[in-house]
Amino acid sequence: MAQPLTPITLPPLENPQLEGDWLQSRLLAWLNAEYLPEPANVAIARRVSQVFVRHRLEGEDDLGSLVMAILTELQSFDFSDSFYGEFTVANAVGDLLCDRLGIDRCCGRSITLDL
């Protein structure tokens, strides 16, 4: 039987503004590259960054819990002007954070990335 993946713990939050700016810019780049750049992408990336930083400041460092928190809070976000929805965006955040940590999203193996 396959073993469950171990939880992914983010490093301690040292600079909330820098972390939020990083996530906002990376998510916006991803949103714009995945489909067409659209004004709604800026609002989505900004909102996700705010949610992420708030949860990190509250002491959340588990990646799965952060993704679920973002998903939950984005359920009240208006995606009507966007190609995206809350599930796609929350999953993209998880992928971006895994990439930053050097975690191979496919198989859970650690790799070295220059991000």
Protein backbone atom coordinates (compact mmCIF):
# COMPACT_ATOMS: atom_id res chain seq x y z
CA MET A 1 0.00 0.00 0.00
CA ALA A 2 1.24 3.48 -0.83
CA GLN A 3 2.40 5.65 2.03
CA PRO A 4 0.70 9.04 2.53
CA LEU A 5 2.76 12.09 1.73
CA THR A 6 4.22 13.87 4.69
CA PRO A 7 2.89 17.39 5.32
CA ILE A 8 4.87 20.22 3.75
CA THR A 9 5.89 22.86 6.26
CA LEU A 10 6.89 26.30 5.04
CA PRO A 11 9.92 27.99 6.58
CA PRO A 12 9.26 30.63 9.24
CA LEU A 13 7.87 33.91 7.94
CA GLU A 14 10.65 36.48 8.09
CA ASN A 15 9.36 39.32 5.92
CA PRO A 16 5.59 39.27 5.37
CA GLN A 17 5.61 42.11 2.82
CA LEU A 18 8.32 40.43 0.74
CA GLU A 19 6.55 37.05 0.88
CA GLY A 20 3.24 38.62 -0.14
CA ASP A 21 4.86 40.57 -2.98
CA TRP A 22 6.64 37.43 -4.20
CA LEU A 23 3.43 35.40 -4.25
CA GLN A 24 1.44 38.20 -5.86
CA SER A 25 3.95 38.68 -8.69
CA ARG A 26 4.45 34.94 -9.31
CA LEU A 27 0.74 34.20 -9.27
CA LEU A 28 -0.01 37.13 -11.58
CA ALA A 29 2.65 35.91 -14.00
CA TRP A 30 1.15 32.41 -13.90
CA LEU A 31 -2.41 33.68 -14.40
CA ASN A 32 -1.34 35.85 -17.34
CA ALA A 33 0.65 33.05 -18.97
CA GLU A 34 -1.97 30.35 -18.56
CA TYR A 35 -4.67 32.19 -20.58
CA LEU A 36 -4.84 35.79 -21.72
CA PRO A 37 -3.70 38.59 -19.44
CA GLU A 38 -6.82 40.23 -18.04
CA PRO A 39 -7.51 42.93 -15.45
CA ALA A 40 -9.17 40.43 -13.11
CA ASN A 41 -5.83 38.65 -12.71
CA VAL A 42 -4.41 41.62 -10.81
CA ALA A 43 -7.29 41.56 -8.33
CA ILE A 44 -7.03 37.79 -7.92
CA ALA A 45 -3.29 37.88 -7.24
CA ARG A 46 -3.68 40.79 -4.81
CA ARG A 47 -6.45 39.02 -2.86
CA VAL A 48 -4.55 35.74 -2.68
CA SER A 49 -1.46 37.55 -1.42
CA GLN A 50 -3.49 39.24 1.33
CA VAL A 51 -5.04 35.94 2.44
CA PHE A 52 -1.69 34.16 2.35
CA VAL A 53 0.12 36.80 4.42
CA ARG A 54 -2.69 37.02 6.99
CA HIS A 55 -2.69 33.27 7.55
CA ARG A 56 1.10 33.16 7.74
CA LEU A 57 1.07 35.99 10.31
CA GLU A 58 -1.46 33.96 12.30
CA GLY A 59 1.13 31.16 12.47
CA GLU A 60 -0.03 28.84 9.69
CA ASP A 61 2.93 27.10 8.10
CA ASP A 62 1.34 23.94 6.69
CA LEU A 63 1.08 24.16 2.91
CA GLY A 64 -2.08 22.06 2.70
CA SER A 65 -3.84 24.20 5.29
CA LEU A 66 -2.79 27.39 3.49
CA VAL A 67 -4.12 26.12 0.17
CA MET A 68 -7.42 25.19 1.82
CA ALA A 69 -7.63 28.60 3.52
CA ILE A 70 -7.07 30.35 0.19
CA LEU A 71 -9.65 28.11 -1.48
CA THR A 72 -12.20 28.82 1.25
CA GLU A 73 -11.71 32.57 1.22
CA LEU A 74 -11.78 32.76 -2.57
CA GLN A 75 -15.24 31.20 -2.62
CA SER A 76 -16.60 34.68 -1.89
CA PHE A 77 -14.44 36.31 -4.60
CA ASP A 78 -16.19 37.35 -7.83
CA PHE A 79 -14.59 35.35 -10.65
CA SER A 80 -17.21 36.41 -13.22
CA ASP A 81 -14.65 38.50 -15.17
CA SER A 82 -12.04 35.75 -15.18
CA PHE A 83 -11.25 32.44 -16.83
CA TYR A 84 -10.32 31.11 -13.40
CA GLY A 85 -12.06 29.83 -10.30
CA GLU A 86 -11.03 29.35 -6.69
CA PHE A 87 -9.86 25.74 -7.12
CA THR A 88 -7.53 26.54 -10.00
CA VAL A 89 -6.05 29.53 -8.20
CA ALA A 90 -5.57 27.75 -4.86
CA ASN A 91 -3.90 24.80 -6.62
CA ALA A 92 -1.63 27.19 -8.53
CA VAL A 93 -0.53 28.74 -5.23
CA GLY A 94 0.35 25.29 -3.91
CA ASP A 95 2.34 24.57 -7.06
CA LEU A 96 4.20 27.89 -6.90
CA LEU A 97 5.12 27.34 -3.26
CA CYS A 98 6.27 23.77 -3.95
CA ASP A 99 8.41 25.03 -6.81
CA ARG A 100 9.93 27.64 -4.53
CA LEU A 101 10.73 24.97 -1.93
CA GLY A 102 12.26 22.69 -4.57
CA ILE A 103 9.59 20.03 -4.20
CA ASP A 104 8.73 18.00 -7.28
CA ARG A 105 4.96 18.35 -7.49
CA CYS A 106 4.60 15.20 -9.53
CA CYS A 107 5.96 12.69 -7.12
CA GLY A 108 6.72 14.53 -3.89
CA ARG A 109 10.48 14.32 -4.34
CA SER A 110 12.77 17.18 -3.46
CA ILE A 111 14.64 18.81 -6.34
CA THR A 112 16.84 21.85 -6.65
CA LEU A 113 15.33 24.82 -8.49
CA ASP A 114 16.75 28.27 -8.95
CA LEU A 115 13.65 30.36 -8.17
